[in-house]
Amino acid sequence: MSVQDTVIGAILWILPAYVANAAPVPTVYFLRKLGGKTHPLDLGLNFIDGKRVLGDNKTLEGFIGGLSAGSLAGAGLQLWGLHSFPLALILSFGALAGDLAGAFVKRRLGLKPGDPAPLLDQLDFVLGATILYQLFAPVRLEYFLIVVIMTPLLHLATNTLAYLLGLKSNPW
């Protein structure tokens, strides 16, 4: 397999997780623009350290939007024989769970929602997706390494775009 084929394979493998991780921002943005309410996943509760468990930015609506979008991406890829829908669903759920774990860690560190946490912000969803996926199917090491290298750059670019489009209040 050529380097180009390996990179394309890595992108196709992780694509449902990327979509799931990106979808909550526009989902919540448009829902709020339409006058809808959002519901924090942590129900506004504090952890034993007195800090919010996750924060207001992690919402039920964002989670459902992310899971739906990532799963739809996987369904589309399956139609072309490029992915498995059940594994895409697993990647999507794992990505969102990893992002929630990252938010939990950020709250414990005293960081506010939206505060930057280099590498944690970029790789929490990749690790969550990979760990859950690995329980059901083997992850190709070269795919994982390519994704870990390219994700921080891609994450910065997409967050900057979301900021420029007015979907986010900061470029990270």
N, C-alpha and C. Protein backbone atom coordinates (compact mmCIF):
# COMPACT_ATOMS: atom_id res chain seq x y z
N MET A 1 0.85 -1.18 0.00
CA MET A 1 0.00 0.00 0.00
C MET A 1 0.89 1.24 0.00
N SER A 2 0.58 2.19 -0.88
CA SER A 2 1.38 3.41 -0.98
C SER A 2 1.09 4.33 0.20
N VAL A 3 1.96 5.31 0.39
CA VAL A 3 1.77 6.29 1.46
C VAL A 3 0.45 7.03 1.24
N GLN A 4 0.17 7.40 0.00
CA GLN A 4 -1.07 8.11 -0.32
C GLN A 4 -2.29 7.25 0.02
N ASP A 5 -2.25 5.97 -0.32
CA ASP A 5 -3.36 5.07 0.00
C ASP A 5 -3.52 4.92 1.51
N THR A 6 -2.41 4.90 2.24
CA THR A 6 -2.46 4.77 3.70
C THR A 6 -3.07 6.02 4.32
N VAL A 7 -2.70 7.19 3.83
CA VAL A 7 -3.27 8.44 4.35
C VAL A 7 -4.77 8.50 4.05
N ILE A 8 -5.16 8.15 2.84
CA ILE A 8 -6.58 8.14 2.48
C ILE A 8 -7.33 7.12 3.34
N GLY A 9 -6.74 5.96 3.55
CA GLY A 9 -7.35 4.94 4.41
C GLY A 9 -7.55 5.45 5.83
N ALA A 10 -6.56 6.16 6.35
CA ALA A 10 -6.65 6.71 7.71
C ALA A 10 -7.77 7.74 7.79
N ILE A 11 -7.88 8.60 6.78
CA ILE A 11 -8.93 9.62 6.77
C ILE A 11 -10.30 8.96 6.70
N LEU A 12 -10.46 7.99 5.83
CA LEU A 12 -11.75 7.30 5.71
C LEU A 12 -12.10 6.56 7.00
N TRP A 13 -11.09 6.00 7.66
CA TRP A 13 -11.34 5.29 8.92
C TRP A 13 -11.86 6.24 9.98
N ILE A 14 -11.24 7.40 10.15
CA ILE A 14 -11.57 8.31 11.25
C ILE A 14 -12.67 9.30 10.90
N LEU A 15 -13.06 9.39 9.63
CA LEU A 15 -14.02 10.40 9.19
C LEU A 15 -15.30 10.47 10.02
N PRO A 16 -15.95 9.35 10.35
CA PRO A 16 -17.15 9.47 11.19
C PRO A 16 -16.88 10.15 12.55
N ALA A 17 -15.73 9.89 13.13
CA ALA A 17 -15.37 10.54 14.40
C ALA A 17 -15.13 12.02 14.20
N TYR A 18 -14.47 12.40 13.11
CA TYR A 18 -14.27 13.82 12.81
C TYR A 18 -15.60 14.53 12.66
N VAL A 19 -16.51 13.92 11.91
CA VAL A 19 -17.83 14.54 11.70
C VAL A 19 -18.58 14.65 13.02
N ALA A 20 -18.55 13.57 13.80
CA ALA A 20 -19.25 13.58 15.09
C ALA A 20 -18.68 14.65 16.02
N ASN A 21 -17.37 14.82 16.01
CA ASN A 21 -16.73 15.81 16.87
C ASN A 21 -17.05 17.24 16.43
N ALA A 22 -17.18 17.46 15.12
CA ALA A 22 -17.42 18.80 14.60
C ALA A 22 -18.89 19.20 14.65
N ALA A 23 -19.80 18.26 14.55
CA ALA A 23 -21.22 18.56 14.39
C ALA A 23 -21.91 19.25 15.58
N PRO A 24 -21.51 19.02 16.82
CA PRO A 24 -22.23 19.69 17.92
C PRO A 24 -22.22 21.22 17.84
N VAL A 25 -21.13 21.82 17.37
CA VAL A 25 -21.06 23.29 17.32
C VAL A 25 -22.14 23.86 16.41
N PRO A 26 -22.22 23.45 15.13
CA PRO A 26 -23.30 24.01 14.30
C PRO A 26 -24.69 23.56 14.74
N THR A 27 -24.80 22.35 15.27
CA THR A 27 -26.11 21.88 15.75
C THR A 27 -26.65 22.82 16.81
N VAL A 28 -25.85 23.10 17.82
CA VAL A 28 -26.28 23.96 18.92
C VAL A 28 -26.44 25.40 18.45
N TYR A 29 -25.54 25.86 17.60
CA TYR A 29 -25.63 27.23 17.08
C TYR A 29 -26.96 27.46 16.38
N PHE A 30 -27.30 26.58 15.45
CA PHE A 30 -28.54 26.76 14.69
C PHE A 30 -29.77 26.53 15.54
N LEU A 31 -29.70 25.60 16.46
CA LEU A 31 -30.83 25.38 17.37
C LEU A 31 -31.11 26.64 18.18
N ARG A 32 -30.06 27.26 18.72
CA ARG A 32 -30.23 28.49 19.50
C ARG A 32 -30.70 29.65 18.63
N LYS A 33 -30.21 29.72 17.38
CA LYS A 33 -30.65 30.78 16.46
C LYS A 33 -32.14 30.65 16.17
N LEU A 34 -32.65 29.42 16.17
CA LEU A 34 -34.06 29.19 15.91
C LEU A 34 -34.91 29.34 17.17
N GLY A 35 -34.27 29.74 18.27
CA GLY A 35 -34.99 29.97 19.52
C GLY A 35 -35.12 28.75 20.40
N GLY A 36 -34.46 27.69 20.02
CA GLY A 36 -34.53 26.46 20.82
C GLY A 36 -33.64 26.53 22.04
N LYS A 37 -33.97 25.72 23.01
CA LYS A 37 -33.17 25.64 24.23
C LYS A 37 -32.25 24.43 24.16
N THR A 38 -31.16 24.52 24.88
CA THR A 38 -30.24 23.40 24.99
C THR A 38 -30.18 22.96 26.44
N HIS A 39 -29.78 21.72 26.62
CA HIS A 39 -29.77 21.12 27.95
C HIS A 39 -28.38 20.56 28.24
N PRO A 40 -27.70 21.09 29.26
CA PRO A 40 -26.35 20.59 29.57
C PRO A 40 -26.39 19.11 29.97
N LEU A 41 -25.45 18.35 29.44
CA LEU A 41 -25.39 16.92 29.75
C LEU A 41 -25.17 16.66 31.24
N ASP A 42 -24.48 17.57 31.90
CA ASP A 42 -24.21 17.37 33.33
C ASP A 42 -25.34 17.90 34.22
N LEU A 43 -26.42 18.35 33.58
CA LEU A 43 -27.61 18.87 34.29
C LEU A 43 -27.28 20.03 35.22
N GLY A 44 -26.15 20.70 34.97
CA GLY A 44 -25.74 21.83 35.80
C GLY A 44 -25.13 21.42 37.13
N LEU A 45 -24.82 20.14 37.27
CA LEU A 45 -24.31 19.64 38.55
C LEU A 45 -22.81 19.85 38.69
N ASN A 46 -22.37 19.93 39.92
CA ASN A 46 -20.95 20.03 40.25
C ASN A 46 -20.42 18.67 40.68
N PHE A 47 -19.14 18.46 40.44
CA PHE A 47 -18.45 17.25 40.87
C PHE A 47 -18.06 17.42 42.35
N ILE A 48 -17.45 16.42 42.94
CA ILE A 48 -17.09 16.49 44.36
C ILE A 48 -16.08 17.59 44.67
N ASP A 49 -15.40 18.08 43.64
CA ASP A 49 -14.45 19.19 43.84
C ASP A 49 -15.13 20.55 43.79
N GLY A 50 -16.45 20.56 43.62
CA GLY A 50 -17.20 21.80 43.59
C GLY A 50 -17.27 22.47 42.23
N LYS A 51 -16.59 21.91 41.24
CA LYS A 51 -16.59 22.46 39.89
C LYS A 51 -17.60 21.69 39.02
N ARG A 52 -18.11 22.37 38.01
CA ARG A 52 -19.05 21.73 37.10
C ARG A 52 -18.46 20.44 36.56
N VAL A 53 -19.30 19.45 36.37
CA VAL A 53 -18.84 18.17 35.83
C VAL A 53 -18.31 18.36 34.41
N LEU A 54 -19.11 18.99 33.54
CA LEU A 54 -18.70 19.20 32.16
C LEU A 54 -18.79 20.66 31.72
N GLY A 55 -19.83 21.36 32.13
CA GLY A 55 -20.04 22.75 31.72
C GLY A 55 -21.19 22.88 30.75
N ASP A 56 -21.59 24.11 30.51
CA ASP A 56 -22.76 24.39 29.67
C ASP A 56 -22.55 24.08 28.19
N ASN A 57 -21.31 24.02 27.74
CA ASN A 57 -21.06 23.78 26.31
C ASN A 57 -21.26 22.34 25.88
N LYS A 58 -21.39 21.43 26.79
CA LYS A 58 -21.62 20.02 26.46
C LYS A 58 -23.10 19.74 26.67
N THR A 59 -23.84 19.70 25.55
CA THR A 59 -25.30 19.61 25.63
C THR A 59 -25.83 18.31 25.06
N LEU A 60 -27.03 17.96 25.51
CA LEU A 60 -27.71 16.79 24.97
C LEU A 60 -27.92 16.94 23.47
N GLU A 61 -28.31 18.14 23.06
CA GLU A 61 -28.59 18.39 21.65
C GLU A 61 -27.32 18.28 20.80
N GLY A 62 -26.20 18.78 21.32
CA GLY A 62 -24.94 18.65 20.62
C GLY A 62 -24.50 17.20 20.51
N PHE A 63 -24.70 16.45 21.59
CA PHE A 63 -24.33 15.03 21.57
C PHE A 63 -25.16 14.27 20.54
N ILE A 64 -26.46 14.50 20.54
CA ILE A 64 -27.34 13.82 19.58
C ILE A 64 -27.00 14.26 18.15
N GLY A 65 -26.75 15.56 17.96
CA GLY A 65 -26.36 16.05 16.64
C GLY A 65 -25.06 15.43 16.16
N GLY A 66 -24.09 15.34 17.05
CA GLY A 66 -22.81 14.74 16.69
C GLY A 66 -22.93 13.26 16.37
N LEU A 67 -23.65 12.54 17.20
CA LEU A 67 -23.83 11.11 16.97
C LEU A 67 -24.58 10.86 15.66
N SER A 68 -25.59 11.67 15.41
CA SER A 68 -26.37 11.52 14.18
C SER A 68 -25.51 11.84 12.95
N ALA A 69 -24.79 12.94 12.99
CA ALA A 69 -23.98 13.34 11.84
C ALA A 69 -22.86 12.34 11.56
N GLY A 70 -22.17 11.90 12.60
CA GLY A 70 -21.11 10.92 12.41
C GLY A 70 -21.64 9.61 11.87
N SER A 71 -22.79 9.20 12.37
CA SER A 71 -23.40 7.95 11.91
C SER A 71 -23.86 8.07 10.46
N LEU A 72 -24.42 9.24 10.10
CA LEU A 72 -24.83 9.46 8.70
C LEU A 72 -23.62 9.45 7.77
N ALA A 73 -22.52 10.04 8.22
CA ALA A 73 -21.30 10.00 7.42
C ALA A 73 -20.86 8.55 7.21
N GLY A 74 -20.95 7.75 8.27
CA GLY A 74 -20.60 6.34 8.16
C GLY A 74 -21.54 5.58 7.23
N ALA A 75 -22.82 5.92 7.28
CA ALA A 75 -23.79 5.26 6.40
C ALA A 75 -23.47 5.59 4.95
N GLY A 76 -23.13 6.86 4.69
CA GLY A 76 -22.74 7.24 3.33
C GLY A 76 -21.49 6.51 2.87
N LEU A 77 -20.51 6.42 3.74
CA LEU A 77 -19.29 5.69 3.39
C LEU A 77 -19.57 4.21 3.16
N GLN A 78 -20.50 3.64 3.92
CA GLN A 78 -20.84 2.22 3.73
C GLN A 78 -21.48 2.01 2.37
N LEU A 79 -22.31 2.95 1.92
CA LEU A 79 -22.93 2.83 0.60
C LEU A 79 -21.90 2.68 -0.50
N TRP A 80 -20.74 3.31 -0.33
CA TRP A 80 -19.65 3.21 -1.30
C TRP A 80 -18.65 2.11 -0.95
N GLY A 81 -18.97 1.31 0.05
CA GLY A 81 -18.08 0.22 0.44
C GLY A 81 -16.81 0.68 1.13
N LEU A 82 -16.83 1.88 1.72
CA LEU A 82 -15.63 2.45 2.32
C LEU A 82 -15.60 2.37 3.84
N HIS A 83 -16.68 1.95 4.45
CA HIS A 83 -16.75 1.87 5.91
C HIS A 83 -17.84 0.90 6.29
N SER A 84 -17.92 0.60 7.56
CA SER A 84 -18.99 -0.21 8.13
C SER A 84 -19.84 0.71 9.00
N PHE A 85 -21.15 0.72 8.77
CA PHE A 85 -22.02 1.59 9.57
C PHE A 85 -21.91 1.31 11.06
N PRO A 86 -21.96 0.04 11.51
CA PRO A 86 -21.85 -0.19 12.96
C PRO A 86 -20.52 0.34 13.53
N LEU A 87 -19.43 0.18 12.80
CA LEU A 87 -18.15 0.69 13.30
C LEU A 87 -18.10 2.22 13.24
N ALA A 88 -18.77 2.81 12.26
CA ALA A 88 -18.86 4.27 12.21
C ALA A 88 -19.65 4.80 13.41
N LEU A 89 -20.70 4.11 13.78
CA LEU A 89 -21.48 4.49 14.96
C LEU A 89 -20.62 4.40 16.21
N ILE A 90 -19.81 3.36 16.30
CA ILE A 90 -18.91 3.19 17.44
C ILE A 90 -17.87 4.31 17.47
N LEU A 91 -17.29 4.64 16.31
CA LEU A 91 -16.31 5.73 16.25
C LEU A 91 -16.96 7.05 16.67
N SER A 92 -18.18 7.29 16.20
CA SER A 92 -18.88 8.53 16.52
C SER A 92 -19.15 8.64 18.02
N PHE A 93 -19.66 7.58 18.60
CA PHE A 93 -19.94 7.58 20.03
C PHE A 93 -18.64 7.73 20.83
N GLY A 94 -17.61 7.01 20.42
CA GLY A 94 -16.32 7.10 21.10
C GLY A 94 -15.72 8.49 21.02
N ALA A 95 -15.87 9.15 19.86
CA ALA A 95 -15.36 10.52 19.71
C ALA A 95 -16.06 11.46 20.68
N LEU A 96 -17.37 11.35 20.77
CA LEU A 96 -18.11 12.23 21.67
C LEU A 96 -17.79 11.92 23.13
N ALA A 97 -17.64 10.65 23.46
CA ALA A 97 -17.27 10.27 24.83
C ALA A 97 -15.87 10.79 25.17
N GLY A 98 -14.94 10.71 24.21
CA GLY A 98 -13.61 11.24 24.43
C GLY A 98 -13.61 12.74 24.64
N ASP A 99 -14.45 13.44 23.87
CA ASP A 99 -14.57 14.89 24.04
C ASP A 99 -15.14 15.23 25.42
N LEU A 100 -16.10 14.45 25.87
CA LEU A 100 -16.66 14.68 27.21
C LEU A 100 -15.60 14.42 28.28
N ALA A 101 -14.80 13.39 28.09
CA ALA A 101 -13.72 13.11 29.04
C ALA A 101 -12.73 14.28 29.08
N GLY A 102 -12.45 14.85 27.90
CA GLY A 102 -11.57 16.01 27.85
C GLY A 102 -12.15 17.20 28.59
N ALA A 103 -13.46 17.42 28.43
CA ALA A 103 -14.13 18.51 29.15
C ALA A 103 -14.07 18.28 30.65
N PHE A 104 -14.26 17.03 31.06
CA PHE A 104 -14.18 16.68 32.48
C PHE A 104 -12.79 17.03 33.03
N VAL A 105 -11.75 16.64 32.31
CA VAL A 105 -10.38 16.93 32.74
C VAL A 105 -10.15 18.44 32.79
N LYS A 106 -10.62 19.16 31.78
CA LYS A 106 -10.44 20.62 31.77
C LYS A 106 -11.11 21.28 32.97
N ARG A 107 -12.29 20.81 33.34
CA ARG A 107 -12.96 21.38 34.53
C ARG A 107 -12.15 21.09 35.78
N ARG A 108 -11.57 19.90 35.90
CA ARG A 108 -10.76 19.57 37.07
C ARG A 108 -9.52 20.44 37.13
N LEU A 109 -8.99 20.83 35.96
CA LEU A 109 -7.81 21.68 35.92
C LEU A 109 -8.14 23.15 36.14
N GLY A 110 -9.43 23.45 36.29
CA GLY A 110 -9.85 24.82 36.51
C GLY A 110 -10.02 25.64 35.24
N LEU A 111 -9.98 24.99 34.08
CA LEU A 111 -10.16 25.69 32.82
C LEU A 111 -11.66 25.86 32.56
N LYS A 112 -12.02 27.00 32.04
CA LYS A 112 -13.42 27.29 31.72
C LYS A 112 -13.76 26.69 30.36
N PRO A 113 -15.05 26.43 30.10
CA PRO A 113 -15.43 25.99 28.75
C PRO A 113 -14.95 27.01 27.72
N GLY A 114 -14.32 26.50 26.69
CA GLY A 114 -13.79 27.38 25.65
C GLY A 114 -12.34 27.75 25.85
N ASP A 115 -11.80 27.60 27.08
CA ASP A 115 -10.38 27.87 27.30
C ASP A 115 -9.56 26.82 26.55
N PRO A 116 -8.44 27.24 25.94
CA PRO A 116 -7.64 26.27 25.19
C PRO A 116 -6.87 25.32 26.11
N ALA A 117 -6.77 24.09 25.66
CA ALA A 117 -5.93 23.08 26.30
C ALA A 117 -5.23 22.33 25.17
N PRO A 118 -4.07 22.85 24.74
CA PRO A 118 -3.39 22.26 23.59
C PRO A 118 -3.21 20.75 23.71
N LEU A 119 -3.44 20.08 22.64
CA LEU A 119 -3.41 18.63 22.44
C LEU A 119 -4.60 17.93 23.10
N LEU A 120 -4.97 18.29 24.31
CA LEU A 120 -6.16 17.69 24.92
C LEU A 120 -7.38 18.01 24.06
N ASP A 121 -7.52 19.27 23.66
CA ASP A 121 -8.65 19.67 22.83
C ASP A 121 -8.64 18.97 21.47
N GLN A 122 -7.46 18.73 20.94
CA GLN A 122 -7.36 18.16 19.60
C GLN A 122 -7.41 16.64 19.58
N LEU A 123 -6.99 15.99 20.65
CA LEU A 123 -6.84 14.54 20.59
C LEU A 123 -7.77 13.75 21.51
N ASP A 124 -8.52 14.42 22.38
CA ASP A 124 -9.40 13.67 23.29
C ASP A 124 -10.41 12.83 22.51
N PHE A 125 -11.00 13.41 21.47
CA PHE A 125 -11.99 12.67 20.70
C PHE A 125 -11.37 11.54 19.89
N VAL A 126 -10.14 11.75 19.40
CA VAL A 126 -9.46 10.69 18.65
C VAL A 126 -9.17 9.50 19.56
N LEU A 127 -8.70 9.79 20.77
CA LEU A 127 -8.41 8.71 21.71
C LEU A 127 -9.69 7.98 22.12
N GLY A 128 -10.75 8.73 22.39
CA GLY A 128 -12.02 8.09 22.74
C GLY A 128 -12.53 7.20 21.63
N ALA A 129 -12.47 7.70 20.40
CA ALA A 129 -12.93 6.92 19.24
C ALA A 129 -12.08 5.68 19.05
N THR A 130 -10.77 5.83 19.16
CA THR A 130 -9.86 4.71 18.93
C THR A 130 -10.02 3.63 20.00
N ILE A 131 -10.11 4.05 21.25
CA ILE A 131 -10.24 3.07 22.34
C ILE A 131 -11.52 2.28 22.20
N LEU A 132 -12.64 2.94 21.94
CA LEU A 132 -13.90 2.21 21.79
C LEU A 132 -13.88 1.33 20.54
N TYR A 133 -13.37 1.84 19.44
CA TYR A 133 -13.27 1.07 18.20
C TYR A 133 -12.45 -0.20 18.42
N GLN A 134 -11.34 -0.06 19.14
CA GLN A 134 -10.43 -1.19 19.38
C GLN A 134 -11.12 -2.34 20.10
N LEU A 135 -12.19 -2.05 20.84
CA LEU A 135 -12.94 -3.12 21.51
C LEU A 135 -13.70 -4.00 20.53
N PHE A 136 -13.94 -3.49 19.31
CA PHE A 136 -14.74 -4.20 18.33
C PHE A 136 -13.97 -4.63 17.09
N ALA A 137 -12.91 -3.92 16.77
CA ALA A 137 -12.10 -4.23 15.58
C ALA A 137 -10.70 -3.67 15.79
N PRO A 138 -9.72 -4.32 15.17
CA PRO A 138 -8.35 -3.80 15.35
C PRO A 138 -8.16 -2.48 14.62
N VAL A 139 -7.40 -1.61 15.24
CA VAL A 139 -7.04 -0.33 14.64
C VAL A 139 -5.65 -0.48 14.02
N ARG A 140 -5.53 -0.10 12.77
CA ARG A 140 -4.22 -0.16 12.12
C ARG A 140 -3.33 0.92 12.73
N LEU A 141 -2.19 0.53 13.22
CA LEU A 141 -1.28 1.45 13.89
C LEU A 141 -0.92 2.63 12.99
N GLU A 142 -0.66 2.37 11.72
CA GLU A 142 -0.28 3.47 10.83
C GLU A 142 -1.44 4.46 10.64
N TYR A 143 -2.68 3.98 10.65
CA TYR A 143 -3.83 4.88 10.57
C TYR A 143 -3.88 5.77 11.81
N PHE A 144 -3.73 5.14 12.96
CA PHE A 144 -3.78 5.89 14.22
C PHE A 144 -2.68 6.96 14.25
N LEU A 145 -1.47 6.60 13.87
CA LEU A 145 -0.36 7.56 13.91
C LEU A 145 -0.59 8.72 12.94
N ILE A 146 -1.09 8.43 11.75
CA ILE A 146 -1.39 9.49 10.79
C ILE A 146 -2.44 10.43 11.35
N VAL A 147 -3.47 9.87 11.94
CA VAL A 147 -4.55 10.68 12.50
C VAL A 147 -4.04 11.55 13.65
N VAL A 148 -3.22 10.99 14.51
CA VAL A 148 -2.67 11.76 15.64
C VAL A 148 -1.80 12.92 15.14
N ILE A 149 -1.10 12.71 14.06
CA ILE A 149 -0.24 13.77 13.52
C ILE A 149 -1.06 14.85 12.82
N MET A 150 -2.06 14.45 12.03
CA MET A 150 -2.78 15.45 11.24
C MET A 150 -3.92 16.14 11.99
N THR A 151 -4.43 15.52 13.05
CA THR A 151 -5.60 16.08 13.72
C THR A 151 -5.37 17.44 14.36
N PRO A 152 -4.27 17.68 15.08
CA PRO A 152 -4.10 19.02 15.66
C PRO A 152 -4.14 20.14 14.62
N LEU A 153 -3.53 19.92 13.47
CA LEU A 153 -3.53 20.94 12.42
C LEU A 153 -4.93 21.11 11.82
N LEU A 154 -5.59 20.00 11.56
CA LEU A 154 -6.94 20.06 11.01
C LEU A 154 -7.91 20.68 12.01
N HIS A 155 -7.74 20.34 13.27
CA HIS A 155 -8.60 20.87 14.33
C HIS A 155 -8.46 22.39 14.42
N LEU A 156 -7.24 22.87 14.37
CA LEU A 156 -7.00 24.31 14.42
C LEU A 156 -7.63 25.01 13.21
N ALA A 157 -7.49 24.41 12.04
CA ALA A 157 -8.05 25.00 10.82
C ALA A 157 -9.57 25.05 10.87
N THR A 158 -10.21 23.96 11.29
CA THR A 158 -11.68 23.94 11.31
C THR A 158 -12.23 24.84 12.41
N ASN A 159 -11.56 24.92 13.53
CA ASN A 159 -12.02 25.82 14.60
C ASN A 159 -11.86 27.28 14.18
N THR A 160 -10.79 27.59 13.47
CA THR A 160 -10.61 28.95 12.98
C THR A 160 -11.71 29.29 11.98
N LEU A 161 -12.04 28.36 11.11
CA LEU A 161 -13.13 28.57 10.15
C LEU A 161 -14.46 28.78 10.87
N ALA A 162 -14.74 27.96 11.87
CA ALA A 162 -15.99 28.11 12.64
C ALA A 162 -16.03 29.47 13.34
N TYR A 163 -14.90 29.93 13.82
CA TYR A 163 -14.82 31.25 14.45
C TYR A 163 -15.09 32.35 13.42
N LEU A 164 -14.46 32.25 12.26
CA LEU A 164 -14.65 33.26 11.21
C LEU A 164 -16.09 33.28 10.69
N LEU A 165 -16.76 32.13 10.73
CA LEU A 165 -18.16 32.06 10.31
C LEU A 165 -19.13 32.48 11.41
N GLY A 166 -18.59 32.76 12.61
CA GLY A 166 -19.42 33.19 13.71
C GLY A 166 -20.09 32.05 14.46
N LEU A 167 -19.64 30.82 14.23
CA LEU A 167 -20.20 29.66 14.92
C LEU A 167 -19.59 29.44 16.30
N LYS A 168 -18.39 29.98 16.50
CA LYS A 168 -17.69 29.85 17.77
C LYS A 168 -17.24 31.23 18.23
N SER A 169 -17.10 31.38 19.55
CA SER A 169 -16.69 32.67 20.09
C SER A 169 -15.17 32.82 20.19
N ASN A 170 -14.43 31.75 19.89
CA ASN A 170 -12.97 31.83 19.89
C ASN A 170 -12.42 30.91 18.80
N PRO A 171 -11.21 31.15 18.34
CA PRO A 171 -10.66 30.35 17.23
C PRO A 171 -9.99 29.04 17.66
N TRP A 172 -10.14 28.63 18.89
CA TRP A 172 -9.57 27.35 19.31
C TRP A 172 -10.69 26.49 19.75
